[in-house]
Amino acid sequence: MAGTEWTPARILELRLSRGETQAEFATAMRLTGGKGTVSQWERGTHKPTGTAAIRLGLLDRAAKEGSQI
């Protein structure tokens, strides 16, 4: 997880692998900015940092292990 580069394509791939809309993904991520934040990440206008980057890593690991958080 540490040092993971969260590119727009990688974030989109993770969301789609979970079968979620941007709004659903934002809820899973517990984002206060909602789907707008996810959209900004996927367009590359903003990058996830701090807690959001950690949560992405947790969701990514869960997806690879076939579990849900």
PDB file of N, CA and C in Angstrom:
ATOM      1  N   MET A   1       0.812  -1.188   0.000  1.00  0.00           N
ATOM      2  CA  MET A   1       0.000   0.000   0.000  1.00  0.00           C
ATOM      3  C   MET A   1       0.858   1.255   0.000  1.00  0.00           C
ATOM      4  N   ALA A   2       1.847   1.254   0.825  1.00  0.00           N
ATOM      5  CA  ALA A   2       2.692   2.442   0.931  1.00  0.00           C
ATOM      6  C   ALA A   2       3.383   2.717  -0.387  1.00  0.00           C
ATOM      7  N   GLY A   3       3.388   3.989  -0.773  1.00  0.00           N
ATOM      8  CA  GLY A   3       4.068   4.367  -1.998  1.00  0.00           C
ATOM      9  C   GLY A   3       3.305   4.041  -3.271  1.00  0.00           C
ATOM     10  N   THR A   4       2.056   3.620  -3.137  1.00  0.00           N
ATOM     11  CA  THR A   4       1.255   3.274  -4.304  1.00  0.00           C
ATOM     12  C   THR A   4       0.920   4.539  -5.083  1.00  0.00           C
ATOM     13  N   GLU A   5       1.120   4.480  -6.383  1.00  0.00           N
ATOM     14  CA  GLU A   5       0.767   5.607  -7.252  1.00  0.00           C
ATOM     15  C   GLU A   5      -0.674   5.408  -7.724  1.00  0.00           C
ATOM     16  N   TRP A   6      -1.545   6.285  -7.290  1.00  0.00           N
ATOM     17  CA  TRP A   6      -2.953   6.196  -7.675  1.00  0.00           C
ATOM     18  C   TRP A   6      -3.213   7.072  -8.891  1.00  0.00           C
ATOM     19  N   THR A   7      -3.065   6.481 -10.064  1.00  0.00           N
ATOM     20  CA  THR A   7      -3.327   7.178 -11.313  1.00  0.00           C
ATOM     21  C   THR A   7      -4.828   7.180 -11.577  1.00  0.00           C
ATOM     22  N   PRO A   8      -5.289   8.100 -12.422  1.00  0.00           N
ATOM     23  CA  PRO A   8      -6.716   8.098 -12.773  1.00  0.00           C
ATOM     24  C   PRO A   8      -7.178   6.743 -13.316  1.00  0.00           C
ATOM     25  N   ALA A   9      -6.378   6.143 -14.173  1.00  0.00           N
ATOM     26  CA  ALA A   9      -6.759   4.853 -14.755  1.00  0.00           C
ATOM     27  C   ALA A   9      -6.849   3.763 -13.695  1.00  0.00           C
ATOM     28  N   ARG A  10      -5.950   3.798 -12.749  1.00  0.00           N
ATOM     29  CA  ARG A  10      -5.947   2.771 -11.697  1.00  0.00           C
ATOM     30  C   ARG A  10      -7.153   2.925 -10.778  1.00  0.00           C
ATOM     31  N   ILE A  11      -7.525   4.152 -10.472  1.00  0.00           N
ATOM     32  CA  ILE A  11      -8.694   4.398  -9.633  1.00  0.00           C
ATOM     33  C   ILE A  11      -9.962   3.934 -10.361  1.00  0.00           C
ATOM     34  N   LEU A  12     -10.067   4.279 -11.628  1.00  0.00           N
ATOM     35  CA  LEU A  12     -11.217   3.845 -12.426  1.00  0.00           C
ATOM     36  C   LEU A  12     -11.277   2.324 -12.483  1.00  0.00           C
ATOM     37  N   GLU A  13     -10.144   1.688 -12.711  1.00  0.00           N
ATOM     38  CA  GLU A  13     -10.091   0.223 -12.780  1.00  0.00           C
ATOM     39  C   GLU A  13     -10.559  -0.406 -11.466  1.00  0.00           C
ATOM     40  N   LEU A  14     -10.119   0.145 -10.343  1.00  0.00           N
ATOM     41  CA  LEU A  14     -10.541  -0.373  -9.042  1.00  0.00           C
ATOM     42  C   LEU A  14     -12.047  -0.223  -8.861  1.00  0.00           C
ATOM     43  N   ARG A  15     -12.557   0.957  -9.184  1.00  0.00           N
ATOM     44  CA  ARG A  15     -14.008   1.186  -9.028  1.00  0.00           C
ATOM     45  C   ARG A  15     -14.815   0.226  -9.887  1.00  0.00           C
ATOM     46  N   LEU A  16     -14.407   0.080 -11.146  1.00  0.00           N
ATOM     47  CA  LEU A  16     -15.143  -0.804 -12.047  1.00  0.00           C
ATOM     48  C   LEU A  16     -15.019  -2.267 -11.636  1.00  0.00           C
ATOM     49  N   SER A  17     -13.867  -2.654 -11.089  1.00  0.00           N
ATOM     50  CA  SER A  17     -13.689  -4.039 -10.636  1.00  0.00           C
ATOM     51  C   SER A  17     -14.631  -4.355  -9.477  1.00  0.00           C
ATOM     52  N   ARG A  18     -15.029  -3.319  -8.745  1.00  0.00           N
ATOM     53  CA  ARG A  18     -15.978  -3.490  -7.645  1.00  0.00           C
ATOM     54  C   ARG A  18     -17.427  -3.385  -8.129  1.00  0.00           C
ATOM     55  N   GLY A  19     -17.606  -3.006  -9.404  1.00  0.00           N
ATOM     56  CA  GLY A  19     -18.943  -2.897  -9.971  1.00  0.00           C
ATOM     57  C   GLY A  19     -19.744  -1.751  -9.384  1.00  0.00           C
ATOM     58  N   GLU A  20     -19.064  -0.646  -9.058  1.00  0.00           N
ATOM     59  CA  GLU A  20     -19.728   0.460  -8.387  1.00  0.00           C
ATOM     60  C   GLU A  20     -19.785   1.712  -9.256  1.00  0.00           C
ATOM     61  N   THR A  21     -20.827   2.498  -9.026  1.00  0.00           N
ATOM     62  CA  THR A  21     -20.909   3.826  -9.621  1.00  0.00           C
ATOM     63  C   THR A  21     -19.958   4.732  -8.835  1.00  0.00           C
ATOM     64  N   GLN A  22     -19.748   5.935  -9.341  1.00  0.00           N
ATOM     65  CA  GLN A  22     -18.907   6.884  -8.603  1.00  0.00           C
ATOM     66  C   GLN A  22     -19.510   7.183  -7.230  1.00  0.00           C
ATOM     67  N   ALA A  23     -20.828   7.304  -7.165  1.00  0.00           N
ATOM     68  CA  ALA A  23     -21.490   7.596  -5.886  1.00  0.00           C
ATOM     69  C   ALA A  23     -21.309   6.437  -4.910  1.00  0.00           C
ATOM     70  N   GLU A  24     -21.460   5.213  -5.379  1.00  0.00           N
ATOM     71  CA  GLU A  24     -21.285   4.042  -4.514  1.00  0.00           C
ATOM     72  C   GLU A  24     -19.839   3.928  -4.028  1.00  0.00           C
ATOM     73  N   PHE A  25     -18.911   4.195  -4.940  1.00  0.00           N
ATOM     74  CA  PHE A  25     -17.491   4.134  -4.582  1.00  0.00           C
ATOM     75  C   PHE A  25     -17.160   5.206  -3.544  1.00  0.00           C
ATOM     76  N   ALA A  26     -17.720   6.393  -3.714  1.00  0.00           N
ATOM     77  CA  ALA A  26     -17.499   7.472  -2.751  1.00  0.00           C
ATOM     78  C   ALA A  26     -18.026   7.083  -1.377  1.00  0.00           C
ATOM     79  N   THR A  27     -19.160   6.409  -1.340  1.00  0.00           N
ATOM     80  CA  THR A  27     -19.719   5.943  -0.073  1.00  0.00           C
ATOM     81  C   THR A  27     -18.810   4.894   0.560  1.00  0.00           C
ATOM     82  N   ALA A  28     -18.327   3.959  -0.245  1.00  0.00           N
ATOM     83  CA  ALA A  28     -17.414   2.928   0.261  1.00  0.00           C
ATOM     84  C   ALA A  28     -16.129   3.552   0.799  1.00  0.00           C
ATOM     85  N   MET A  29     -15.713   4.650   0.168  1.00  0.00           N
ATOM     86  CA  MET A  29     -14.502   5.350   0.577  1.00  0.00           C
ATOM     87  C   MET A  29     -14.749   6.310   1.742  1.00  0.00           C
ATOM     88  N   ARG A  30     -16.028   6.526   2.073  1.00  0.00           N
ATOM     89  CA  ARG A  30     -16.432   7.482   3.121  1.00  0.00           C
ATOM     90  C   ARG A  30     -15.951   8.898   2.803  1.00  0.00           C
ATOM     91  N   LEU A  31     -16.151   9.287   1.550  1.00  0.00           N
ATOM     92  CA  LEU A  31     -15.714  10.608   1.092  1.00  0.00           C
ATOM     93  C   LEU A  31     -16.797  11.645   1.361  1.00  0.00           C
ATOM     94  N   THR A  32     -16.424  12.742   1.978  1.00  0.00           N
ATOM     95  CA  THR A  32     -17.391  13.805   2.218  1.00  0.00           C
ATOM     96  C   THR A  32     -17.724  14.541   0.926  1.00  0.00           C
ATOM     97  N   GLY A  33     -16.817  14.520  -0.048  1.00  0.00           N
ATOM     98  CA  GLY A  33     -17.045  15.189  -1.321  1.00  0.00           C
ATOM     99  C   GLY A  33     -17.871  14.377  -2.295  1.00  0.00           C
ATOM    100  N   GLY A  34     -18.194  13.150  -1.930  1.00  0.00           N
ATOM    101  CA  GLY A  34     -19.037  12.303  -2.756  1.00  0.00           C
ATOM    102  C   GLY A  34     -18.450  11.968  -4.113  1.00  0.00           C
ATOM    103  N   LYS A  35     -19.371  11.746  -5.063  1.00  0.00           N
ATOM    104  CA  LYS A  35     -18.940  11.302  -6.389  1.00  0.00           C
ATOM    105  C   LYS A  35     -18.113  12.357  -7.117  1.00  0.00           C
ATOM    106  N   GLY A  36     -18.255  13.627  -6.727  1.00  0.00           N
ATOM    107  CA  GLY A  36     -17.451  14.675  -7.352  1.00  0.00           C
ATOM    108  C   GLY A  36     -15.963  14.461  -7.120  1.00  0.00           C
ATOM    109  N   THR A  37     -15.625  13.995  -5.922  1.00  0.00           N
ATOM    110  CA  THR A  37     -14.222  13.717  -5.611  1.00  0.00           C
ATOM    111  C   THR A  37     -13.711  12.561  -6.458  1.00  0.00           C
ATOM    112  N   VAL A  38     -14.508  11.505  -6.567  1.00  0.00           N
ATOM    113  CA  VAL A  38     -14.117  10.349  -7.381  1.00  0.00           C
ATOM    114  C   VAL A  38     -13.949  10.782  -8.832  1.00  0.00           C
ATOM    115  N   SER A  39     -14.848  11.596  -9.325  1.00  0.00           N
ATOM    116  CA  SER A  39     -14.758  12.097 -10.692  1.00  0.00           C
ATOM    117  C   SER A  39     -13.458  12.879 -10.905  1.00  0.00           C
ATOM    118  N   GLN A  40     -13.111  13.726  -9.953  1.00  0.00           N
ATOM    119  CA  GLN A  40     -11.869  14.505 -10.056  1.00  0.00           C
ATOM    120  C   GLN A  40     -10.650  13.589 -10.074  1.00  0.00           C
ATOM    121  N   TRP A  41     -10.666  12.556  -9.271  1.00  0.00           N
ATOM    122  CA  TRP A  41      -9.551  11.600  -9.278  1.00  0.00           C
ATOM    123  C   TRP A  41      -9.445  10.901 -10.623  1.00  0.00           C
ATOM    124  N   GLU A  42     -10.595  10.462 -11.149  1.00  0.00           N
ATOM    125  CA  GLU A  42     -10.600   9.714 -12.410  1.00  0.00           C
ATOM    126  C   GLU A  42     -10.238  10.595 -13.604  1.00  0.00           C
ATOM    127  N   ARG A  43     -10.491  11.890 -13.509  1.00  0.00           N
ATOM    128  CA  ARG A  43     -10.106  12.821 -14.575  1.00  0.00           C
ATOM    129  C   ARG A  43      -8.668  13.313 -14.397  1.00  0.00           C
ATOM    130  N   GLY A  44      -8.102  13.094 -13.231  1.00  0.00           N
ATOM    131  CA  GLY A  44      -6.735  13.517 -12.966  1.00  0.00           C
ATOM    132  C   GLY A  44      -6.605  14.970 -12.550  1.00  0.00           C
ATOM    133  N   THR A  45      -7.715  15.611 -12.191  1.00  0.00           N
ATOM    134  CA  THR A  45      -7.639  17.010 -11.758  1.00  0.00           C
ATOM    135  C   THR A  45      -7.237  17.127 -10.290  1.00  0.00           C
ATOM    136  N   HIS A  46      -7.436  16.055  -9.521  1.00  0.00           N
ATOM    137  CA  HIS A  46      -6.994  15.966  -8.133  1.00  0.00           C
ATOM    138  C   HIS A  46      -6.472  14.564  -7.890  1.00  0.00           C
ATOM    139  N   LYS A  47      -5.593  14.432  -6.894  1.00  0.00           N
ATOM    140  CA  LYS A  47      -5.055  13.125  -6.521  1.00  0.00           C
ATOM    141  C   LYS A  47      -5.449  12.806  -5.084  1.00  0.00           C
ATOM    142  N   PRO A  48      -5.744  11.533  -4.824  1.00  0.00           N
ATOM    143  CA  PRO A  48      -6.034  11.162  -3.448  1.00  0.00           C
ATOM    144  C   PRO A  48      -4.764  11.224  -2.604  1.00  0.00           C
ATOM    145  N   THR A  49      -4.902  11.736  -1.399  1.00  0.00           N
ATOM    146  CA  THR A  49      -3.772  11.826  -0.474  1.00  0.00           C
ATOM    147  C   THR A  49      -4.231  11.355   0.898  1.00  0.00           C
ATOM    148  N   GLY A  50      -3.284  11.194   1.783  1.00  0.00           N
ATOM    149  CA  GLY A  50      -3.588  10.889   3.179  1.00  0.00           C
ATOM    150  C   GLY A  50      -4.491   9.693   3.362  1.00  0.00           C
ATOM    151  N   THR A  51      -5.543   9.903   4.147  1.00  0.00           N
ATOM    152  CA  THR A  51      -6.473   8.832   4.480  1.00  0.00           C
ATOM    153  C   THR A  51      -7.130   8.249   3.237  1.00  0.00           C
ATOM    154  N   ALA A  52      -7.451   9.077   2.265  1.00  0.00           N
ATOM    155  CA  ALA A  52      -8.092   8.583   1.041  1.00  0.00           C
ATOM    156  C   ALA A  52      -7.176   7.606   0.307  1.00  0.00           C
ATOM    157  N   ALA A  53      -5.892   7.912   0.238  1.00  0.00           N
ATOM    158  CA  ALA A  53      -4.941   7.012  -0.423  1.00  0.00           C
ATOM    159  C   ALA A  53      -4.838   5.689   0.339  1.00  0.00           C
ATOM    160  N   ILE A  54      -4.873   5.763   1.663  1.00  0.00           N
ATOM    161  CA  ILE A  54      -4.838   4.542   2.475  1.00  0.00           C
ATOM    162  C   ILE A  54      -6.084   3.712   2.235  1.00  0.00           C
ATOM    163  N   ARG A  55      -7.238   4.364   2.208  1.00  0.00           N
ATOM    164  CA  ARG A  55      -8.497   3.634   1.963  1.00  0.00           C
ATOM    165  C   ARG A  55      -8.511   2.991   0.581  1.00  0.00           C
ATOM    166  N   LEU A  56      -7.975   3.686  -0.416  1.00  0.00           N
ATOM    167  CA  LEU A  56      -7.875   3.084  -1.750  1.00  0.00           C
ATOM    168  C   LEU A  56      -7.052   1.808  -1.687  1.00  0.00           C
ATOM    169  N   GLY A  57      -5.951   1.860  -0.957  1.00  0.00           N
ATOM    170  CA  GLY A  57      -5.110   0.676  -0.811  1.00  0.00           C
ATOM    171  C   GLY A  57      -5.842  -0.478  -0.150  1.00  0.00           C
ATOM    172  N   LEU A  58      -6.641  -0.171   0.863  1.00  0.00           N
ATOM    173  CA  LEU A  58      -7.416  -1.208   1.540  1.00  0.00           C
ATOM    174  C   LEU A  58      -8.463  -1.813   0.618  1.00  0.00           C
ATOM    175  N   LEU A  59      -9.151  -0.961  -0.143  1.00  0.00           N
ATOM    176  CA  LEU A  59     -10.149  -1.464  -1.089  1.00  0.00           C
ATOM    177  C   LEU A  59      -9.490  -2.289  -2.187  1.00  0.00           C
ATOM    178  N   ASP A  60      -8.319  -1.852  -2.632  1.00  0.00           N
ATOM    179  CA  ASP A  60      -7.583  -2.576  -3.669  1.00  0.00           C
ATOM    180  C   ASP A  60      -7.187  -3.955  -3.152  1.00  0.00           C
ATOM    181  N   ARG A  61      -6.652  -4.006  -1.958  1.00  0.00           N
ATOM    182  CA  ARG A  61      -6.253  -5.299  -1.372  1.00  0.00           C
ATOM    183  C   ARG A  61      -7.460  -6.219  -1.200  1.00  0.00           C
ATOM    184  N   ALA A  62      -8.582  -5.673  -0.719  1.00  0.00           N
ATOM    185  CA  ALA A  62      -9.788  -6.474  -0.545  1.00  0.00           C
ATOM    186  C   ALA A  62     -10.286  -7.015  -1.878  1.00  0.00           C
ATOM    187  N   ALA A  63     -10.219  -6.179  -2.923  1.00  0.00           N
ATOM    188  CA  ALA A  63     -10.655  -6.617  -4.253  1.00  0.00           C
ATOM    189  C   ALA A  63      -9.780  -7.760  -4.760  1.00  0.00           C
ATOM    190  N   LYS A  64      -8.483  -7.661  -4.514  1.00  0.00           N
ATOM    191  CA  LYS A  64      -7.570  -8.722  -4.956  1.00  0.00           C
ATOM    192  C   LYS A  64      -7.775 -10.012  -4.183  1.00  0.00           C
ATOM    193  N   GLU A  65      -8.192  -9.893  -2.928  1.00  0.00           N
ATOM    194  CA  GLU A  65      -8.442 -11.053  -2.089  1.00  0.00           C
ATOM    195  C   GLU A  65      -9.858 -11.589  -2.248  1.00  0.00           C
ATOM    196  N   GLY A  66     -10.678 -10.860  -3.006  1.00  0.00           N
ATOM    197  CA  GLY A  66     -12.053 -11.299  -3.237  1.00  0.00           C
ATOM    198  C   GLY A  66     -12.985 -11.053  -2.069  1.00  0.00           C
ATOM    199  N   SER A  67     -12.639 -10.089  -1.233  1.00  0.00           N
ATOM    200  CA  SER A  67     -13.508  -9.756  -0.103  1.00  0.00           C
ATOM    201  C   SER A  67     -13.991  -8.318  -0.222  1.00  0.00           C
ATOM    202  N   GLN A  68     -14.903  -7.962   0.639  1.00  0.00           N
ATOM    203  CA  GLN A  68     -15.447  -6.605   0.670  1.00  0.00           C
ATOM    204  C   GLN A  68     -15.093  -5.965   1.982  1.00  0.00           C
ATOM    205  N   ILE A  69     -14.944  -4.655   1.954  1.00  0.00           N
ATOM    206  CA  ILE A  69     -14.733  -3.898   3.200  1.00  0.00           C
ATOM    207  C   ILE A  69     -16.029  -3.178   3.512  1.00  0.00           C
TER     208      ILE A  69
END
